[in-house]
Amino acid sequence: MSKRIDILDGQKALSQNYGLVYTCNLGWLDLGHMHPESTRPHTGASALWKEINAGGPDVRHCLGIHPQICTHPSKTDTFKAVTFPDKKTTGFKVVHRQDMHALGKKISSGVKREYVVKHNLSPAEKKSVALAIFMEVSLEFEAHQEFFPNFITDSGFSQEDLVSNLIGFHIAIGTVTKAQALAMAKPVSKETALAIWDRNGSVGSNKNRGFKPMFSPDTSVINDKACINECGGVLPRIPEFLAQIKPAKKGTLFINNALGGV
């Protein structure tokens, strides 16, 4: 849950992995959501990308049998591989998780999903599948957060979350670096960002249920010397890299691991 105290000067954004900045071309950005790395298993865009590139053995229907027995080479006829709708294509398991901590990390909750990804995908197909999985879990996680009362978090579909997630995904797969993304976003000063927050309300009170940025209609700030508008006179220009990859449709290149195969 981002608070007013989390707002940073835009010039500090590159050196920080946590905090909130307002940008002329991408609206509010959460630097924590933009950071693709995590120490927790299956968490973060980088972990997802590594799993998809690593591949793995066929997912098998184990029916409650211990995985070491189920996946033993001698048992391939006993425990059949999970197949795609064509009844022939097999794949490997990918797990992706997004989570949150609240009240000083006393409360932890999240969303975890398992998928079967087709073997031997091209680099472009891998990116498309990774994006589809990442977007699906991101949307489910934001919806999950909405069930919590506001005194715990108002972060469900907070206006900066999904856009920041998407940028973090592109950093993870190498589309852009963090420095490149911020340069295109054009972050503003802390003074301007605070004025926008005070005028429009908190990011958590302004919901965004999509992956396109929301912008403040007024980005000006008045101080003792002048009226300043760091984004004035220029229409927001959303960086093209955010639309370079189209998410794959589920069913052809990846499917849900609905029966919990291993």
Protein backbone atom coordinates (compact mmCIF):
# COMPACT_ATOMS: atom_id res chain seq x y z
CA MET A 1 0.00 0.00 0.00
CA SER A 2 1.72 3.16 -1.21
CA LYS A 3 1.52 6.21 1.05
CA ARG A 4 2.32 9.88 0.60
CA ILE A 5 5.53 9.39 2.58
CA ASP A 6 6.73 6.95 -0.12
CA ILE A 7 6.92 9.66 -2.78
CA LEU A 8 10.45 10.27 -4.09
CA ASP A 9 12.08 12.91 -6.21
CA GLY A 10 12.21 11.63 -9.78
CA GLN A 11 15.98 12.08 -9.92
CA LYS A 12 16.36 9.40 -7.22
CA ALA A 13 14.21 6.80 -8.99
CA LEU A 14 17.05 5.04 -10.78
CA SER A 15 18.98 4.32 -7.58
CA GLN A 16 15.98 3.10 -5.56
CA ASN A 17 14.05 -0.18 -5.66
CA TYR A 18 11.20 1.07 -3.49
CA GLY A 19 9.17 4.24 -3.52
CA LEU A 20 6.66 6.13 -5.62
CA VAL A 21 7.29 8.61 -8.43
CA TYR A 22 5.03 10.50 -10.80
CA THR A 23 6.03 10.54 -14.45
CA CYS A 24 4.84 12.59 -17.41
CA ASN A 25 4.44 9.62 -19.79
CA LEU A 26 3.39 6.77 -17.47
CA GLY A 27 1.65 8.45 -14.54
CA TRP A 28 2.40 7.08 -11.08
CA LEU A 29 5.00 4.31 -10.88
CA ASP A 30 5.79 2.03 -7.96
CA LEU A 31 9.50 1.22 -8.00
CA GLY A 32 8.92 -1.92 -5.94
CA HIS A 33 6.54 -3.30 -8.54
CA MET A 34 9.01 -2.35 -11.26
CA HIS A 35 11.74 -4.38 -9.57
CA PRO A 36 11.54 -7.86 -11.15
CA GLU A 37 13.70 -9.74 -8.65
CA SER A 38 12.56 -11.54 -5.49
CA THR A 39 14.18 -13.89 -2.99
CA ARG A 40 10.92 -15.84 -2.61
CA PRO A 41 10.39 -18.95 -4.78
CA HIS A 42 8.39 -18.53 -8.01
CA THR A 43 7.91 -14.83 -7.23
CA GLY A 44 8.78 -11.91 -9.49
CA ALA A 45 8.95 -11.52 -13.25
CA SER A 46 12.59 -12.62 -13.37
CA ALA A 47 11.79 -15.95 -11.69
CA LEU A 48 8.95 -16.58 -14.15
CA TRP A 49 11.20 -15.82 -17.12
CA LYS A 50 13.92 -18.13 -15.81
CA GLU A 51 11.44 -20.99 -15.35
CA ILE A 52 10.10 -20.64 -18.87
CA ASN A 53 13.60 -20.60 -20.34
CA ALA A 54 14.78 -23.52 -18.20
CA GLY A 55 12.06 -25.88 -19.39
CA GLY A 56 11.72 -29.25 -17.71
CA PRO A 57 10.32 -32.77 -17.95
CA ASP A 58 6.79 -33.63 -19.04
CA VAL A 59 4.13 -32.88 -16.45
CA ARG A 60 2.50 -36.15 -15.34
CA HIS A 61 -0.81 -37.09 -13.74
CA CYS A 62 0.42 -38.49 -10.43
CA LEU A 63 -2.99 -38.97 -8.79
CA GLY A 64 -1.62 -38.44 -5.27
CA ILE A 65 1.44 -40.66 -5.75
CA HIS A 66 4.77 -39.35 -4.44
CA PRO A 67 6.44 -37.27 -7.20
CA GLN A 68 9.69 -39.27 -7.10
CA ILE A 69 7.76 -42.45 -7.87
CA CYS A 70 5.46 -40.83 -10.41
CA THR A 71 8.26 -39.25 -12.44
CA HIS A 72 10.62 -42.24 -12.41
CA PRO A 73 11.50 -43.30 -16.00
CA SER A 74 10.14 -46.79 -15.37
CA LYS A 75 6.69 -45.37 -14.60
CA THR A 76 6.08 -43.43 -17.82
CA ASP A 77 3.44 -45.92 -18.94
CA THR A 78 1.73 -45.95 -15.55
CA PHE A 79 1.50 -42.20 -15.04
CA LYS A 80 0.68 -40.54 -18.34
CA ALA A 81 1.89 -37.10 -19.31
CA VAL A 82 -0.51 -34.17 -19.24
CA THR A 83 -1.44 -33.29 -22.82
CA PHE A 84 -2.81 -30.22 -24.57
CA PRO A 85 -6.24 -30.26 -26.27
CA ASP A 86 -4.73 -32.06 -29.29
CA LYS A 87 -4.12 -35.08 -26.97
CA LYS A 88 -0.50 -35.28 -28.19
CA THR A 89 1.47 -32.20 -27.17
CA THR A 90 3.13 -32.28 -23.74
CA GLY A 91 4.82 -29.61 -21.67
CA PHE A 92 6.67 -28.68 -18.48
CA LYS A 93 5.40 -27.09 -15.27
CA VAL A 94 5.71 -23.38 -14.52
CA VAL A 95 4.65 -21.84 -11.21
CA HIS A 96 4.12 -18.12 -10.69
CA ARG A 97 3.24 -16.36 -7.46
CA GLN A 98 2.55 -12.79 -6.38
CA ASP A 99 2.14 -11.86 -2.73
CA MET A 100 1.85 -9.02 -0.25
CA HIS A 101 2.88 -8.26 3.32
CA ALA A 102 0.98 -5.86 5.57
CA LEU A 103 0.93 -4.56 9.15
CA GLY A 104 4.68 -4.79 9.51
CA LYS A 105 4.78 -8.13 7.68
CA LYS A 106 2.46 -9.70 10.28
CA ILE A 107 0.02 -10.51 7.47
CA SER A 108 1.12 -12.28 4.30
CA SER A 109 -1.13 -13.39 1.49
CA GLY A 110 -0.88 -14.03 -2.21
CA VAL A 111 -1.94 -15.83 -5.36
CA LYS A 112 -0.13 -18.85 -6.81
CA ARG A 113 -0.95 -20.47 -10.14
CA GLU A 114 0.51 -23.49 -11.95
CA TYR A 115 0.70 -23.95 -15.71
CA VAL A 116 1.88 -26.45 -18.30
CA VAL A 117 3.99 -24.79 -21.00
CA LYS A 118 4.64 -26.45 -24.34
CA HIS A 119 8.19 -27.67 -25.01
CA ASN A 120 10.55 -26.11 -27.58
CA LEU A 121 8.94 -22.71 -27.96
CA SER A 122 10.66 -20.01 -30.00
CA PRO A 123 12.07 -16.98 -28.12
CA ALA A 124 9.11 -14.87 -29.26
CA GLU A 125 6.63 -17.54 -28.13
CA LYS A 126 8.31 -17.79 -24.72
CA LYS A 127 7.92 -14.04 -24.21
CA SER A 128 4.28 -14.19 -25.29
CA VAL A 129 3.52 -17.04 -22.87
CA ALA A 130 5.43 -15.36 -20.04
CA LEU A 131 3.48 -12.13 -20.54
CA ALA A 132 0.14 -13.95 -20.58
CA ILE A 133 0.92 -15.77 -17.34
CA PHE A 134 2.30 -12.64 -15.70
CA MET A 135 -0.73 -10.54 -16.64
CA GLU A 136 -3.20 -13.20 -15.52
CA VAL A 137 -1.61 -13.64 -12.10
CA SER A 138 -1.20 -9.86 -11.71
CA LEU A 139 -4.92 -9.31 -12.30
CA GLU A 140 -5.89 -12.14 -9.94
CA PHE A 141 -3.56 -10.79 -7.26
CA GLU A 142 -4.97 -7.25 -7.50
CA ALA A 143 -8.49 -8.68 -7.21
CA HIS A 144 -7.33 -10.73 -4.21
CA GLN A 145 -6.10 -7.58 -2.45
CA GLU A 146 -9.51 -5.94 -2.81
CA PHE A 147 -10.93 -8.42 -0.27
CA PHE A 148 -8.80 -6.88 2.48
CA PRO A 149 -10.23 -3.96 4.51
CA ASN A 150 -8.69 -0.55 3.85
CA PHE A 151 -6.90 -0.41 7.21
CA ILE A 152 -4.79 -3.34 5.98
CA THR A 153 -4.40 -2.26 2.35
CA ASP A 154 -6.20 -0.23 -0.31
CA SER A 155 -3.72 -1.44 -2.90
CA GLY A 156 -6.06 -3.63 -4.94
CA PHE A 157 -5.95 -2.14 -8.46
CA SER A 158 -4.13 0.92 -7.13
CA GLN A 159 -3.59 3.09 -10.19
CA GLU A 160 0.16 2.50 -10.43
CA ASP A 161 0.34 -1.23 -9.74
CA LEU A 162 -0.39 -2.96 -13.05
CA VAL A 163 1.55 -0.45 -15.16
CA SER A 164 4.56 -0.79 -12.85
CA ASN A 165 4.24 -4.59 -13.01
CA LEU A 166 4.29 -4.49 -16.80
CA ILE A 167 7.42 -2.34 -16.87
CA GLY A 168 9.09 -4.75 -14.43
CA PHE A 169 8.20 -7.65 -16.73
CA HIS A 170 9.89 -5.94 -19.69
CA ILE A 171 12.95 -5.23 -17.56
CA ALA A 172 13.07 -8.92 -16.60
CA ILE A 173 12.97 -10.22 -20.17
CA GLY A 174 15.45 -7.63 -21.45
CA THR A 175 13.18 -5.41 -23.55
CA VAL A 176 14.49 -2.35 -21.69
CA THR A 177 16.67 -1.51 -18.74
CA LYS A 178 15.31 0.34 -15.73
CA ALA A 179 17.29 3.40 -16.80
CA GLN A 180 15.76 3.33 -20.28
CA ALA A 181 12.24 2.87 -18.93
CA LEU A 182 12.58 5.80 -16.53
CA ALA A 183 14.10 8.03 -19.20
CA MET A 184 11.07 7.39 -21.41
CA ALA A 185 8.67 7.86 -18.49
CA LYS A 186 10.11 11.26 -17.49
CA PRO A 187 9.74 11.35 -13.67
CA VAL A 188 9.03 14.71 -12.04
CA SER A 189 10.31 16.38 -8.89
CA LYS A 190 9.05 15.40 -5.45
CA GLU A 191 7.44 18.84 -5.11
CA THR A 192 5.33 18.27 -8.23
CA ALA A 193 4.47 14.69 -7.26
CA LEU A 194 3.29 15.78 -3.80
CA ALA A 195 1.09 18.47 -5.35
CA ILE A 196 -0.48 15.89 -7.69
CA TRP A 197 -1.13 13.51 -4.77
CA ASP A 198 -2.71 16.26 -2.65
CA ARG A 199 -4.88 17.41 -5.55
CA ASN A 200 -6.06 14.03 -6.85
CA GLY A 201 -5.97 11.83 -3.77
CA SER A 202 -3.97 8.72 -2.96
CA VAL A 203 -3.05 6.21 -5.65
CA GLY A 204 -5.03 3.55 -3.78
CA SER A 205 -8.21 5.63 -3.98
CA ASN A 206 -7.90 5.91 -7.77
CA LYS A 207 -8.40 2.46 -9.27
CA ASN A 208 -6.90 1.23 -12.54
CA ARG A 209 -8.03 -2.22 -13.70
CA GLY A 210 -5.90 -2.28 -16.83
CA PHE A 211 -2.30 -2.10 -17.94
CA LYS A 212 -2.54 1.41 -19.42
CA PRO A 213 -1.41 4.37 -17.32
CA MET A 214 -3.69 6.95 -15.73
CA PHE A 215 -2.65 10.59 -15.83
CA SER A 216 -3.31 13.61 -13.66
CA PRO A 217 -5.24 16.32 -15.54
CA ASP A 218 -3.17 18.96 -13.74
CA THR A 219 0.57 18.51 -13.17
CA SER A 220 1.35 22.05 -12.04
CA VAL A 221 2.70 23.17 -8.69
CA ILE A 222 2.85 26.67 -7.23
CA ASN A 223 5.73 27.54 -4.93
CA ASP A 224 7.09 30.77 -3.49
CA LYS A 225 8.76 31.71 -6.77
CA ALA A 226 6.58 30.56 -9.65
CA CYS A 227 3.96 28.25 -11.09
CA ILE A 228 5.80 25.22 -12.47
CA ASN A 229 4.46 22.52 -14.78
CA GLU A 230 7.10 19.91 -15.58
CA CYS A 231 4.75 18.00 -17.91
CA GLY A 232 3.04 21.09 -19.32
CA GLY A 233 2.51 21.62 -23.04
CA VAL A 234 3.24 18.01 -24.03
CA LEU A 235 0.68 15.22 -24.36
CA PRO A 236 1.68 12.00 -22.56
CA ARG A 237 3.46 9.61 -24.89
CA ILE A 238 3.25 6.00 -23.72
CA PRO A 239 6.52 4.21 -24.62
CA GLU A 240 6.09 1.79 -27.53
CA PHE A 241 7.90 -1.09 -25.82
CA LEU A 242 4.88 -1.70 -23.58
CA ALA A 243 2.90 -2.94 -26.60
CA GLN A 244 5.69 -4.85 -28.37
CA ILE A 245 4.63 -8.28 -27.08
CA LYS A 246 1.13 -9.71 -27.31
CA PRO A 247 0.07 -12.16 -24.59
CA ALA A 248 -0.47 -15.72 -25.83
CA LYS A 249 -3.96 -17.19 -25.70
CA LYS A 250 -4.29 -20.04 -23.26
CA GLY A 251 -4.81 -23.45 -24.82
CA THR A 252 -2.22 -23.55 -27.59
CA LEU A 253 1.16 -22.72 -26.06
CA PHE A 254 0.23 -23.09 -22.40
CA ILE A 255 -2.62 -24.44 -20.28
CA ASN A 256 -3.61 -24.51 -16.63
CA ASN A 257 -2.09 -27.30 -14.57
CA ALA A 258 -5.64 -28.00 -13.45
CA LEU A 259 -5.06 -31.42 -11.87
CA GLY A 260 -1.84 -30.50 -10.10
CA GLY A 261 0.43 -32.68 -12.23
CA VAL A 262 4.15 -32.85 -11.44
